[in-house]
N, C-alpha and C. Protein backbone atom coordinates (compact mmCIF):
# COMPACT_ATOMS: atom_id res chain seq x y z
N MET A 1 -13.86 3.25 1.02
CA MET A 1 -15.19 3.06 0.42
C MET A 1 -15.43 1.58 0.22
N THR A 2 -16.55 1.11 0.70
CA THR A 2 -16.86 -0.31 0.55
C THR A 2 -17.51 -0.56 -0.79
N ASP A 3 -17.54 -1.84 -1.18
CA ASP A 3 -18.15 -2.20 -2.46
C ASP A 3 -19.59 -1.74 -2.55
N SER A 4 -20.29 -1.79 -1.41
CA SER A 4 -21.72 -1.52 -1.43
C SER A 4 -22.07 -0.07 -1.72
N ASN A 5 -21.11 0.86 -1.55
CA ASN A 5 -21.44 2.24 -1.83
C ASN A 5 -20.59 2.86 -2.93
N ARG A 6 -20.05 2.02 -3.80
CA ARG A 6 -19.36 2.55 -4.98
C ARG A 6 -20.40 3.15 -5.91
N PRO A 7 -20.13 4.32 -6.49
CA PRO A 7 -21.10 4.91 -7.42
C PRO A 7 -21.41 3.96 -8.57
N GLY A 8 -22.68 3.69 -8.78
CA GLY A 8 -23.08 2.84 -9.89
C GLY A 8 -23.07 1.36 -9.60
N PHE A 9 -22.54 0.94 -8.43
CA PHE A 9 -22.45 -0.49 -8.13
C PHE A 9 -23.75 -0.97 -7.52
N LEU A 10 -24.24 -2.11 -8.01
CA LEU A 10 -25.49 -2.70 -7.52
C LEU A 10 -25.15 -4.02 -6.85
N PRO A 11 -24.95 -4.03 -5.53
CA PRO A 11 -24.50 -5.25 -4.85
C PRO A 11 -25.46 -6.41 -4.94
N ASP A 12 -26.74 -6.12 -5.23
CA ASP A 12 -27.70 -7.22 -5.30
C ASP A 12 -27.87 -7.75 -6.72
N GLY A 13 -27.06 -7.26 -7.65
CA GLY A 13 -27.13 -7.76 -9.02
C GLY A 13 -28.43 -7.42 -9.72
N SER A 14 -29.01 -6.27 -9.39
CA SER A 14 -30.33 -5.94 -9.92
C SER A 14 -30.29 -5.18 -11.24
N GLY A 15 -29.10 -5.02 -11.83
CA GLY A 15 -29.01 -4.30 -13.10
C GLY A 15 -29.47 -5.15 -14.27
N PRO A 16 -29.56 -4.54 -15.46
CA PRO A 16 -29.96 -5.28 -16.64
C PRO A 16 -28.91 -6.30 -17.05
N ASP A 17 -29.28 -7.20 -17.95
CA ASP A 17 -28.34 -8.24 -18.40
C ASP A 17 -27.10 -7.60 -19.00
N GLY A 18 -25.96 -8.23 -18.76
CA GLY A 18 -24.70 -7.71 -19.31
C GLY A 18 -24.00 -6.76 -18.37
N GLU A 19 -24.71 -6.22 -17.42
CA GLU A 19 -24.12 -5.33 -16.44
C GLU A 19 -24.88 -5.54 -15.12
N ALA A 20 -24.93 -6.77 -14.70
CA ALA A 20 -25.77 -7.15 -13.56
C ALA A 20 -25.47 -6.35 -12.32
N PHE A 21 -24.24 -5.88 -12.16
CA PHE A 21 -23.87 -5.17 -10.94
C PHE A 21 -23.62 -3.69 -11.19
N GLY A 22 -24.17 -3.17 -12.28
CA GLY A 22 -24.04 -1.75 -12.57
C GLY A 22 -22.76 -1.41 -13.32
N ARG A 23 -22.60 -0.12 -13.59
CA ARG A 23 -21.42 0.35 -14.32
C ARG A 23 -20.72 1.46 -13.57
N ASP A 24 -19.40 1.48 -13.70
CA ASP A 24 -18.61 2.55 -13.12
C ASP A 24 -18.91 3.83 -13.90
N PRO A 25 -19.35 4.90 -13.24
CA PRO A 25 -19.73 6.12 -13.97
C PRO A 25 -18.56 6.81 -14.65
N VAL A 26 -17.34 6.53 -14.23
CA VAL A 26 -16.18 7.18 -14.85
C VAL A 26 -15.73 6.45 -16.11
N SER A 27 -15.48 5.13 -15.98
CA SER A 27 -14.98 4.36 -17.12
C SER A 27 -16.09 3.78 -17.98
N GLN A 28 -17.31 3.73 -17.42
CA GLN A 28 -18.46 3.11 -18.09
C GLN A 28 -18.28 1.62 -18.30
N ARG A 29 -17.33 1.02 -17.56
CA ARG A 29 -17.17 -0.43 -17.63
C ARG A 29 -17.98 -1.07 -16.52
N ALA A 30 -18.46 -2.29 -16.77
CA ALA A 30 -19.33 -2.97 -15.81
C ALA A 30 -18.55 -3.39 -14.58
N TYR A 31 -19.24 -3.44 -13.45
CA TYR A 31 -18.67 -3.95 -12.21
C TYR A 31 -18.75 -5.48 -12.19
N LYS A 32 -17.79 -6.09 -11.51
CA LYS A 32 -17.86 -7.51 -11.24
C LYS A 32 -18.59 -7.71 -9.91
N ARG A 33 -18.87 -8.96 -9.57
CA ARG A 33 -19.61 -9.27 -8.36
C ARG A 33 -18.96 -8.69 -7.11
N ASN A 34 -17.62 -8.67 -7.08
CA ASN A 34 -16.92 -8.19 -5.88
C ASN A 34 -16.73 -6.69 -5.85
N GLY A 35 -17.31 -5.99 -6.83
CA GLY A 35 -17.24 -4.54 -6.83
C GLY A 35 -16.08 -3.96 -7.62
N GLU A 36 -15.24 -4.83 -8.19
CA GLU A 36 -14.14 -4.33 -9.02
C GLU A 36 -14.66 -4.03 -10.42
N VAL A 37 -14.05 -3.03 -11.04
CA VAL A 37 -14.42 -2.67 -12.40
C VAL A 37 -13.77 -3.65 -13.38
N ARG A 38 -14.56 -4.13 -14.33
CA ARG A 38 -14.00 -5.05 -15.32
C ARG A 38 -12.92 -4.36 -16.14
N LYS A 39 -11.92 -5.14 -16.53
CA LYS A 39 -10.84 -4.59 -17.34
C LYS A 39 -11.35 -4.25 -18.73
N ALA A 40 -10.73 -3.23 -19.32
CA ALA A 40 -11.11 -2.84 -20.68
C ALA A 40 -10.74 -3.94 -21.66
N ARG A 41 -11.61 -4.18 -22.61
CA ARG A 41 -11.32 -5.19 -23.63
C ARG A 41 -10.28 -4.65 -24.59
N THR A 42 -9.31 -5.49 -24.89
CA THR A 42 -8.26 -5.08 -25.81
C THR A 42 -8.15 -6.08 -26.96
N VAL A 43 -7.83 -5.56 -28.12
CA VAL A 43 -7.61 -6.39 -29.31
C VAL A 43 -6.16 -6.24 -29.71
N LYS A 44 -5.44 -7.36 -29.73
CA LYS A 44 -4.02 -7.29 -30.05
C LYS A 44 -3.81 -7.03 -31.53
N SER A 45 -2.78 -6.24 -31.80
CA SER A 45 -2.41 -5.97 -33.19
C SER A 45 -1.71 -7.18 -33.76
N VAL A 46 -1.50 -7.19 -35.06
CA VAL A 46 -0.78 -8.28 -35.71
C VAL A 46 0.63 -8.38 -35.14
N GLU A 47 1.25 -7.23 -34.91
CA GLU A 47 2.61 -7.22 -34.37
C GLU A 47 2.65 -7.86 -32.99
N GLU A 48 1.65 -7.55 -32.17
CA GLU A 48 1.60 -8.12 -30.83
C GLU A 48 1.36 -9.62 -30.88
N GLN A 49 0.49 -10.06 -31.79
CA GLN A 49 0.24 -11.49 -31.94
C GLN A 49 1.50 -12.22 -32.40
N MET A 50 2.25 -11.60 -33.32
CA MET A 50 3.50 -12.21 -33.78
C MET A 50 4.51 -12.30 -32.65
N ALA A 51 4.56 -11.27 -31.81
CA ALA A 51 5.47 -11.30 -30.67
C ALA A 51 5.09 -12.41 -29.70
N ASP A 52 3.79 -12.62 -29.50
CA ASP A 52 3.33 -13.71 -28.63
C ASP A 52 3.74 -15.06 -29.19
N LEU A 53 3.60 -15.22 -30.52
CA LEU A 53 3.99 -16.48 -31.15
C LEU A 53 5.49 -16.72 -31.01
N ALA A 54 6.27 -15.65 -31.18
CA ALA A 54 7.72 -15.78 -31.07
C ALA A 54 8.11 -16.18 -29.65
N GLN A 55 7.41 -15.61 -28.67
CA GLN A 55 7.70 -15.94 -27.27
C GLN A 55 7.32 -17.39 -26.97
N ALA A 56 6.18 -17.82 -27.53
CA ALA A 56 5.76 -19.20 -27.33
C ALA A 56 6.76 -20.18 -27.96
N GLU A 57 7.27 -19.82 -29.12
CA GLU A 57 8.25 -20.66 -29.79
C GLU A 57 9.55 -20.73 -28.97
N LYS A 58 9.94 -19.59 -28.40
CA LYS A 58 11.14 -19.56 -27.58
C LYS A 58 10.98 -20.46 -26.35
N ARG A 59 9.79 -20.41 -25.74
CA ARG A 59 9.55 -21.27 -24.57
C ARG A 59 9.60 -22.74 -24.96
N ALA A 60 9.06 -23.06 -26.16
CA ALA A 60 9.09 -24.44 -26.62
C ALA A 60 10.52 -24.90 -26.84
N HIS A 61 11.35 -24.03 -27.41
CA HIS A 61 12.76 -24.37 -27.60
C HIS A 61 13.43 -24.63 -26.26
N GLY A 62 13.12 -23.76 -25.28
CA GLY A 62 13.73 -23.91 -23.96
C GLY A 62 13.35 -25.22 -23.31
N THR A 63 12.07 -25.59 -23.43
CA THR A 63 11.60 -26.84 -22.84
C THR A 63 12.31 -28.03 -23.48
N MET A 64 12.43 -27.96 -24.80
CA MET A 64 13.09 -29.05 -25.53
C MET A 64 14.57 -29.14 -25.14
N GLY A 65 15.24 -28.01 -25.12
CA GLY A 65 16.67 -28.00 -24.79
C GLY A 65 16.93 -28.47 -23.38
N ARG A 66 16.06 -28.08 -22.46
CA ARG A 66 16.22 -28.51 -21.08
C ARG A 66 16.13 -30.04 -20.97
N LYS A 67 15.16 -30.62 -21.69
CA LYS A 67 14.99 -32.06 -21.64
C LYS A 67 16.18 -32.78 -22.27
N VAL A 68 16.72 -32.20 -23.35
CA VAL A 68 17.88 -32.82 -24.00
C VAL A 68 19.07 -32.86 -23.05
N LEU A 69 19.35 -31.71 -22.40
CA LEU A 69 20.50 -31.66 -21.51
C LEU A 69 20.28 -32.50 -20.25
N ALA A 70 19.02 -32.53 -19.77
CA ALA A 70 18.72 -33.33 -18.58
C ALA A 70 18.95 -34.81 -18.84
N ALA A 71 18.73 -35.23 -20.08
CA ALA A 71 18.91 -36.64 -20.43
C ALA A 71 20.38 -36.99 -20.68
N ASN A 72 21.21 -35.96 -20.79
CA ASN A 72 22.63 -36.16 -21.05
C ASN A 72 23.36 -36.19 -19.71
N GLY A 73 23.83 -37.35 -19.31
CA GLY A 73 24.46 -37.51 -18.01
C GLY A 73 25.62 -36.57 -17.77
N ALA A 74 26.32 -36.16 -18.84
CA ALA A 74 27.47 -35.29 -18.68
C ALA A 74 27.08 -33.92 -18.15
N PHE A 75 25.80 -33.57 -18.25
CA PHE A 75 25.34 -32.24 -17.82
C PHE A 75 24.56 -32.29 -16.50
N ALA A 76 24.68 -33.38 -15.76
CA ALA A 76 23.94 -33.52 -14.50
C ALA A 76 24.27 -32.39 -13.53
N ALA A 77 25.56 -32.13 -13.33
CA ALA A 77 25.97 -31.08 -12.40
C ALA A 77 25.54 -29.71 -12.91
N PHE A 78 25.67 -29.52 -14.23
CA PHE A 78 25.27 -28.25 -14.85
C PHE A 78 23.80 -27.97 -14.61
N MET A 79 22.96 -28.98 -14.84
CA MET A 79 21.52 -28.82 -14.67
C MET A 79 21.16 -28.58 -13.21
N GLY A 80 21.88 -29.26 -12.31
CA GLY A 80 21.58 -29.11 -10.89
C GLY A 80 21.92 -27.73 -10.36
N ALA A 81 22.95 -27.09 -10.95
CA ALA A 81 23.41 -25.80 -10.44
C ALA A 81 22.91 -24.61 -11.25
N PHE A 82 22.28 -24.86 -12.41
CA PHE A 82 21.91 -23.75 -13.29
C PHE A 82 20.95 -22.78 -12.60
N GLY A 83 19.94 -23.32 -11.89
CA GLY A 83 18.97 -22.45 -11.23
C GLY A 83 19.61 -21.54 -10.21
N LYS A 84 20.55 -22.06 -9.42
CA LYS A 84 21.24 -21.25 -8.42
C LYS A 84 22.09 -20.18 -9.08
N PHE A 85 22.80 -20.55 -10.16
CA PHE A 85 23.62 -19.58 -10.89
C PHE A 85 22.73 -18.49 -11.47
N GLN A 86 21.58 -18.90 -12.01
CA GLN A 86 20.62 -17.95 -12.57
C GLN A 86 20.14 -16.96 -11.50
N ALA A 87 19.88 -17.45 -10.28
CA ALA A 87 19.44 -16.59 -9.19
C ALA A 87 20.54 -15.60 -8.80
N TRP A 88 21.80 -16.05 -8.80
CA TRP A 88 22.90 -15.14 -8.49
C TRP A 88 22.98 -14.01 -9.51
N VAL A 89 22.79 -14.35 -10.78
CA VAL A 89 22.85 -13.34 -11.84
C VAL A 89 21.73 -12.32 -11.64
N ARG A 90 20.51 -12.81 -11.36
CA ARG A 90 19.39 -11.88 -11.16
C ARG A 90 19.66 -10.94 -9.99
N GLU A 91 20.18 -11.50 -8.90
CA GLU A 91 20.44 -10.68 -7.71
C GLU A 91 21.54 -9.66 -7.99
N ALA A 92 22.57 -10.08 -8.71
CA ALA A 92 23.66 -9.16 -9.03
C ALA A 92 23.16 -8.01 -9.90
N LYS A 93 22.32 -8.33 -10.87
CA LYS A 93 21.78 -7.28 -11.73
C LYS A 93 20.90 -6.31 -10.95
N ALA A 94 20.25 -6.80 -9.91
CA ALA A 94 19.36 -5.95 -9.12
C ALA A 94 20.11 -4.91 -8.31
N TYR A 95 21.43 -5.11 -8.12
CA TYR A 95 22.23 -4.17 -7.34
C TYR A 95 23.35 -3.52 -8.16
N ALA A 96 23.43 -3.82 -9.44
CA ALA A 96 24.62 -3.50 -10.21
C ALA A 96 24.76 -2.03 -10.62
N THR A 97 23.68 -1.28 -10.63
CA THR A 97 23.77 0.12 -11.08
C THR A 97 23.33 1.05 -9.96
N PRO A 98 23.83 2.31 -9.99
CA PRO A 98 23.41 3.29 -8.97
C PRO A 98 21.89 3.46 -8.95
N GLU A 99 21.27 3.41 -10.14
CA GLU A 99 19.81 3.58 -10.21
C GLU A 99 19.08 2.45 -9.49
N LYS A 100 19.55 1.21 -9.70
CA LYS A 100 18.92 0.07 -9.04
C LYS A 100 19.06 0.17 -7.53
N ARG A 101 20.26 0.57 -7.09
CA ARG A 101 20.49 0.67 -5.64
C ARG A 101 19.66 1.81 -5.06
N GLU A 102 19.53 2.92 -5.79
CA GLU A 102 18.73 4.04 -5.32
C GLU A 102 17.26 3.64 -5.18
N GLU A 103 16.77 2.83 -6.11
CA GLU A 103 15.39 2.35 -6.03
C GLU A 103 15.17 1.57 -4.74
N ARG A 104 16.14 0.74 -4.38
CA ARG A 104 16.02 -0.07 -3.17
C ARG A 104 16.10 0.80 -1.92
N VAL A 105 16.98 1.81 -1.95
CA VAL A 105 17.08 2.72 -0.81
C VAL A 105 15.76 3.47 -0.63
N GLU A 106 15.18 3.93 -1.74
CA GLU A 106 13.90 4.65 -1.65
C GLU A 106 12.80 3.74 -1.12
N ALA A 107 12.81 2.48 -1.57
CA ALA A 107 11.80 1.53 -1.09
C ALA A 107 11.94 1.30 0.41
N LEU A 108 13.19 1.19 0.88
CA LEU A 108 13.42 1.00 2.31
C LEU A 108 12.99 2.23 3.10
N GLN A 109 13.22 3.41 2.53
CA GLN A 109 12.81 4.63 3.22
C GLN A 109 11.29 4.70 3.33
N ARG A 110 10.60 4.26 2.26
CA ARG A 110 9.14 4.23 2.33
C ARG A 110 8.67 3.27 3.43
N GLN A 111 9.36 2.14 3.56
CA GLN A 111 9.02 1.19 4.62
C GLN A 111 9.24 1.81 5.99
N ILE A 112 10.35 2.54 6.15
CA ILE A 112 10.63 3.20 7.43
C ILE A 112 9.54 4.23 7.74
N ASP A 113 9.17 5.03 6.74
CA ASP A 113 8.12 6.03 6.94
C ASP A 113 6.80 5.37 7.33
N THR A 114 6.51 4.23 6.69
CA THR A 114 5.28 3.50 7.00
C THR A 114 5.30 2.97 8.42
N ILE A 115 6.46 2.45 8.84
CA ILE A 115 6.59 1.95 10.21
C ILE A 115 6.34 3.05 11.22
N GLU A 116 6.90 4.23 10.97
CA GLU A 116 6.71 5.35 11.89
C GLU A 116 5.24 5.76 11.95
N ALA A 117 4.61 5.85 10.77
CA ALA A 117 3.20 6.25 10.73
C ALA A 117 2.32 5.20 11.38
N LYS A 118 2.64 3.93 11.13
CA LYS A 118 1.86 2.85 11.73
C LYS A 118 2.06 2.83 13.24
N GLY A 119 3.25 3.21 13.69
CA GLY A 119 3.50 3.29 15.13
C GLY A 119 2.61 4.34 15.78
N GLU A 120 2.43 5.47 15.13
CA GLU A 120 1.55 6.51 15.66
C GLU A 120 0.11 6.01 15.74
N ALA A 121 -0.33 5.31 14.69
CA ALA A 121 -1.69 4.76 14.68
C ALA A 121 -1.85 3.71 15.78
N ALA A 122 -0.79 2.93 16.01
CA ALA A 122 -0.84 1.88 17.03
C ALA A 122 -0.98 2.49 18.43
N VAL A 123 -0.20 3.54 18.70
CA VAL A 123 -0.28 4.19 20.01
C VAL A 123 -1.66 4.79 20.22
N GLU A 124 -2.19 5.43 19.18
CA GLU A 124 -3.53 6.02 19.27
C GLU A 124 -4.58 4.96 19.57
N PHE A 125 -4.49 3.82 18.86
CA PHE A 125 -5.46 2.73 19.06
C PHE A 125 -5.37 2.18 20.48
N LEU A 126 -4.15 1.90 20.93
CA LEU A 126 -3.97 1.32 22.26
C LEU A 126 -4.41 2.28 23.36
N THR A 127 -4.22 3.58 23.13
CA THR A 127 -4.64 4.58 24.10
C THR A 127 -6.16 4.67 24.17
N GLU A 128 -6.79 4.73 22.99
CA GLU A 128 -8.25 4.84 22.94
C GLU A 128 -8.94 3.59 23.46
N GLN A 129 -8.38 2.43 23.17
CA GLN A 129 -9.03 1.16 23.50
C GLN A 129 -8.42 0.47 24.71
N GLY A 130 -7.61 1.20 25.46
CA GLY A 130 -6.89 0.58 26.57
C GLY A 130 -7.78 -0.16 27.54
N GLU A 131 -8.87 0.47 27.98
CA GLU A 131 -9.76 -0.16 28.95
C GLU A 131 -10.46 -1.36 28.34
N ALA A 132 -10.93 -1.21 27.09
CA ALA A 132 -11.61 -2.32 26.42
C ALA A 132 -10.67 -3.49 26.21
N ILE A 133 -9.40 -3.20 25.88
CA ILE A 133 -8.42 -4.27 25.70
C ILE A 133 -8.19 -5.01 27.01
N ALA A 134 -8.08 -4.25 28.09
CA ALA A 134 -7.87 -4.88 29.39
C ALA A 134 -9.05 -5.76 29.77
N GLN A 135 -10.26 -5.29 29.47
CA GLN A 135 -11.45 -6.06 29.81
C GLN A 135 -11.60 -7.30 28.93
N ALA A 136 -11.21 -7.18 27.65
CA ALA A 136 -11.35 -8.30 26.72
C ALA A 136 -10.25 -9.34 26.90
N ASN A 137 -9.14 -8.94 27.50
CA ASN A 137 -8.02 -9.85 27.67
C ASN A 137 -8.41 -11.01 28.59
N GLY A 138 -8.29 -12.21 28.09
CA GLY A 138 -8.61 -13.39 28.88
C GLY A 138 -10.10 -13.57 29.13
N VAL A 139 -10.93 -12.98 28.25
CA VAL A 139 -12.38 -13.00 28.49
C VAL A 139 -12.93 -14.42 28.51
N PHE A 140 -12.42 -15.30 27.66
CA PHE A 140 -12.93 -16.68 27.64
C PHE A 140 -12.62 -17.40 28.95
N ALA A 141 -11.41 -17.18 29.45
CA ALA A 141 -11.03 -17.81 30.71
C ALA A 141 -11.87 -17.27 31.86
N LYS A 142 -12.18 -15.96 31.80
CA LYS A 142 -13.00 -15.35 32.86
C LYS A 142 -14.40 -15.97 32.88
N VAL A 143 -14.99 -16.13 31.70
CA VAL A 143 -16.32 -16.72 31.62
C VAL A 143 -16.29 -18.16 32.10
N GLY A 144 -15.28 -18.90 31.65
CA GLY A 144 -15.15 -20.30 32.06
C GLY A 144 -14.99 -20.42 33.57
N ALA A 145 -14.17 -19.54 34.15
CA ALA A 145 -13.95 -19.58 35.60
C ALA A 145 -15.23 -19.27 36.35
N ALA A 146 -16.01 -18.31 35.84
CA ALA A 146 -17.27 -17.94 36.50
C ALA A 146 -18.27 -19.09 36.43
N TYR A 147 -18.32 -19.76 35.28
CA TYR A 147 -19.22 -20.92 35.14
C TYR A 147 -18.81 -22.02 36.12
N LEU A 148 -17.50 -22.27 36.20
CA LEU A 148 -17.01 -23.33 37.07
C LEU A 148 -17.29 -22.99 38.54
N ALA A 149 -17.12 -21.72 38.91
CA ALA A 149 -17.38 -21.30 40.28
C ALA A 149 -18.85 -21.52 40.64
N PHE A 150 -19.74 -21.19 39.68
CA PHE A 150 -21.17 -21.40 39.91
C PHE A 150 -21.46 -22.89 40.10
N SER A 151 -20.85 -23.71 39.26
CA SER A 151 -21.08 -25.14 39.31
C SER A 151 -20.59 -25.73 40.64
N LYS A 152 -19.43 -25.26 41.10
CA LYS A 152 -18.90 -25.76 42.36
C LYS A 152 -19.79 -25.36 43.53
N ALA A 153 -20.35 -24.14 43.43
CA ALA A 153 -21.16 -23.62 44.54
C ALA A 153 -22.53 -24.27 44.60
N THR A 154 -23.07 -24.65 43.42
CA THR A 154 -24.44 -25.16 43.37
C THR A 154 -24.52 -26.65 43.08
N GLY A 155 -23.43 -27.23 42.61
CA GLY A 155 -23.43 -28.64 42.25
C GLY A 155 -24.11 -28.92 40.93
N ARG A 156 -24.31 -27.88 40.13
CA ARG A 156 -24.94 -28.07 38.82
C ARG A 156 -24.47 -26.96 37.88
N ALA A 157 -24.73 -27.18 36.58
CA ALA A 157 -24.41 -26.15 35.59
C ALA A 157 -25.50 -25.08 35.60
N PRO A 158 -25.18 -23.84 35.28
CA PRO A 158 -26.20 -22.80 35.24
C PRO A 158 -27.18 -23.03 34.10
N ASP A 159 -28.44 -22.65 34.32
CA ASP A 159 -29.40 -22.75 33.22
C ASP A 159 -29.20 -21.56 32.30
N LYS A 160 -30.06 -21.43 31.30
CA LYS A 160 -29.89 -20.39 30.29
C LYS A 160 -29.89 -19.00 30.90
N ASP A 161 -30.85 -18.70 31.75
CA ASP A 161 -30.95 -17.37 32.35
C ASP A 161 -29.77 -17.11 33.29
N GLU A 162 -29.40 -18.12 34.06
CA GLU A 162 -28.28 -17.96 34.98
C GLU A 162 -26.97 -17.77 34.21
N GLY A 163 -26.86 -18.52 33.10
CA GLY A 163 -25.66 -18.36 32.27
C GLY A 163 -25.57 -16.97 31.69
N ALA A 164 -26.71 -16.43 31.23
CA ALA A 164 -26.73 -15.08 30.67
C ALA A 164 -26.35 -14.06 31.74
N ALA A 165 -26.80 -14.27 32.96
CA ALA A 165 -26.49 -13.35 34.05
C ALA A 165 -24.99 -13.39 34.37
N ILE A 166 -24.41 -14.59 34.34
CA ILE A 166 -22.98 -14.72 34.60
C ILE A 166 -22.18 -13.98 33.53
N VAL A 167 -22.56 -14.18 32.27
CA VAL A 167 -21.85 -13.53 31.17
C VAL A 167 -21.98 -12.02 31.28
N ALA A 168 -23.19 -11.53 31.60
CA ALA A 168 -23.41 -10.09 31.71
C ALA A 168 -22.56 -9.49 32.83
N GLU A 169 -22.31 -10.27 33.85
CA GLU A 169 -21.52 -9.77 34.97
C GLU A 169 -20.03 -9.79 34.67
N VAL A 170 -19.60 -10.79 33.91
CA VAL A 170 -18.17 -10.97 33.67
C VAL A 170 -17.68 -10.18 32.46
N VAL A 171 -18.47 -10.14 31.39
CA VAL A 171 -18.02 -9.52 30.14
C VAL A 171 -18.41 -8.05 30.14
N ASN A 172 -17.40 -7.18 30.03
CA ASN A 172 -17.62 -5.75 30.04
C ASN A 172 -18.23 -5.28 28.71
N PRO A 173 -19.28 -4.44 28.76
CA PRO A 173 -19.90 -3.95 27.52
C PRO A 173 -18.93 -3.21 26.60
N GLU A 174 -17.97 -2.49 27.21
CA GLU A 174 -16.98 -1.79 26.39
C GLU A 174 -16.16 -2.77 25.57
N ALA A 175 -15.81 -3.88 26.20
CA ALA A 175 -15.02 -4.90 25.50
C ALA A 175 -15.84 -5.50 24.36
N VAL A 176 -17.12 -5.75 24.61
CA VAL A 176 -17.98 -6.29 23.56
C VAL A 176 -18.06 -5.34 22.38
N GLU A 177 -18.28 -4.05 22.67
CA GLU A 177 -18.39 -3.06 21.60
C GLU A 177 -17.10 -2.95 20.80
N ALA A 178 -15.96 -2.95 21.50
CA ALA A 178 -14.67 -2.81 20.81
C ALA A 178 -14.38 -4.02 19.94
N VAL A 179 -14.67 -5.21 20.46
CA VAL A 179 -14.38 -6.43 19.69
C VAL A 179 -15.32 -6.54 18.50
N GLU A 180 -16.60 -6.26 18.69
CA GLU A 180 -17.56 -6.37 17.60
C GLU A 180 -17.26 -5.36 16.49
N ALA A 181 -16.63 -4.25 16.83
CA ALA A 181 -16.27 -3.26 15.82
C ALA A 181 -15.28 -3.83 14.81
N ALA A 182 -14.54 -4.86 15.24
CA ALA A 182 -13.55 -5.47 14.33
C ALA A 182 -14.20 -6.17 13.16
N ALA A 183 -15.51 -6.41 13.22
CA ALA A 183 -16.21 -7.04 12.10
C ALA A 183 -16.38 -6.06 10.95
N ASN A 184 -16.19 -4.77 11.23
CA ASN A 184 -16.32 -3.74 10.19
C ASN A 184 -14.94 -3.37 9.67
N PRO A 185 -14.62 -3.69 8.43
CA PRO A 185 -13.29 -3.38 7.89
C PRO A 185 -12.94 -1.90 7.99
N GLU A 186 -13.95 -1.04 7.95
CA GLU A 186 -13.70 0.39 8.01
C GLU A 186 -13.19 0.82 9.38
N ALA A 187 -13.40 -0.01 10.41
CA ALA A 187 -12.95 0.33 11.75
C ALA A 187 -11.50 -0.08 12.00
N ASP A 188 -10.89 -0.72 11.04
CA ASP A 188 -9.51 -1.20 11.17
C ASP A 188 -8.58 -0.02 11.46
N PRO A 189 -7.87 -0.01 12.60
CA PRO A 189 -6.98 1.11 12.90
C PRO A 189 -5.81 1.22 11.94
N PHE A 190 -5.56 0.15 11.19
CA PHE A 190 -4.45 0.16 10.23
C PHE A 190 -4.95 0.10 8.79
N LEU A 191 -6.18 0.54 8.58
CA LEU A 191 -6.79 0.47 7.25
C LEU A 191 -5.94 1.17 6.20
N ALA A 192 -5.36 2.31 6.57
CA ALA A 192 -4.56 3.09 5.61
C ALA A 192 -3.29 2.37 5.19
N PHE A 193 -2.91 1.33 5.94
CA PHE A 193 -1.65 0.65 5.64
C PHE A 193 -1.84 -0.70 4.95
N ARG A 194 -3.11 -1.10 4.80
CA ARG A 194 -3.35 -2.37 4.14
C ARG A 194 -3.10 -2.23 2.65
N ARG A 195 -2.50 -3.24 2.10
CA ARG A 195 -2.26 -3.25 0.65
C ARG A 195 -2.79 -4.54 0.09
N ASP A 196 -3.32 -4.45 -1.14
CA ASP A 196 -3.73 -5.66 -1.84
C ASP A 196 -2.50 -6.50 -2.12
N THR A 197 -2.68 -7.79 -2.07
CA THR A 197 -1.57 -8.69 -2.38
C THR A 197 -1.22 -8.59 -3.85
N VAL A 198 0.05 -8.36 -4.11
CA VAL A 198 0.53 -8.24 -5.49
C VAL A 198 1.23 -9.54 -5.87
N GLU A 199 0.79 -10.10 -6.95
CA GLU A 199 1.41 -11.33 -7.41
C GLU A 199 2.69 -10.99 -8.17
N VAL A 200 3.79 -11.55 -7.72
CA VAL A 200 5.08 -11.31 -8.36
C VAL A 200 5.31 -12.39 -9.40
N GLU A 201 5.62 -11.96 -10.60
CA GLU A 201 5.84 -12.93 -11.68
C GLU A 201 7.10 -13.73 -11.40
N GLN A 202 6.97 -15.03 -11.42
CA GLN A 202 8.10 -15.90 -11.18
C GLN A 202 8.76 -16.30 -12.50
N PRO A 203 10.08 -16.52 -12.48
CA PRO A 203 10.75 -16.93 -13.71
C PRO A 203 10.19 -18.25 -14.22
N ASP A 204 10.09 -18.39 -15.53
CA ASP A 204 9.64 -19.63 -16.13
C ASP A 204 10.67 -20.72 -15.89
N ASP A 205 10.20 -21.93 -15.54
CA ASP A 205 11.13 -23.03 -15.27
C ASP A 205 12.00 -23.33 -16.50
N ASP A 206 11.45 -23.05 -17.68
CA ASP A 206 12.21 -23.37 -18.90
C ASP A 206 13.04 -22.19 -19.37
N ASP A 207 13.03 -21.09 -18.63
CA ASP A 207 13.74 -19.90 -19.05
C ASP A 207 15.22 -20.07 -18.71
N ASP A 208 16.08 -19.91 -19.72
CA ASP A 208 17.51 -20.01 -19.47
C ASP A 208 18.19 -18.65 -19.60
N THR A 209 17.39 -17.59 -19.50
CA THR A 209 17.94 -16.24 -19.62
C THR A 209 18.71 -15.86 -18.38
N LEU A 210 19.91 -15.34 -18.56
CA LEU A 210 20.75 -14.93 -17.43
C LEU A 210 20.84 -13.42 -17.39
């Protein structure tokens, strides 16, 4: 489903103030310009705010301690190797229990299943579009060669009408239709396999947790 046909979404921003792009009929939250539903507003409890402050204080301590040790020449080797040691610990913990290893095996199996399914979609696409692919292959070179052949034969470049006639003769309509279809995301033969990019949280530079 594209953004333009989401229930309640107004792609032209014609809604009233405060919900310019309409509201999601299920959550009743306003849409953003790109068609995504706005996140629900949350109010942190006192306990949550205290936890945030404690975390901020811990980060401040880490930053201070890192600077102290970095300034101490005796810890130069320690500081240089700490990040690598920290990475080893994280990797070891990721494989240390049967549950962790099972999670990785399941993830790999999902990847294998996806590869097999994507292979079926690939074969179907190549079979259906085989002729169009053959016609589109090297299309720029074909047009260029035809233009050059005309120029050599006539001693001049083709005019607008002659150029259009050359293109019409060289470029197959099936190839044009197949290539232009790629402008529509819904025509993507691998649409079912596309995933939104997930941002992976990186360790804080000041974090000394092992």
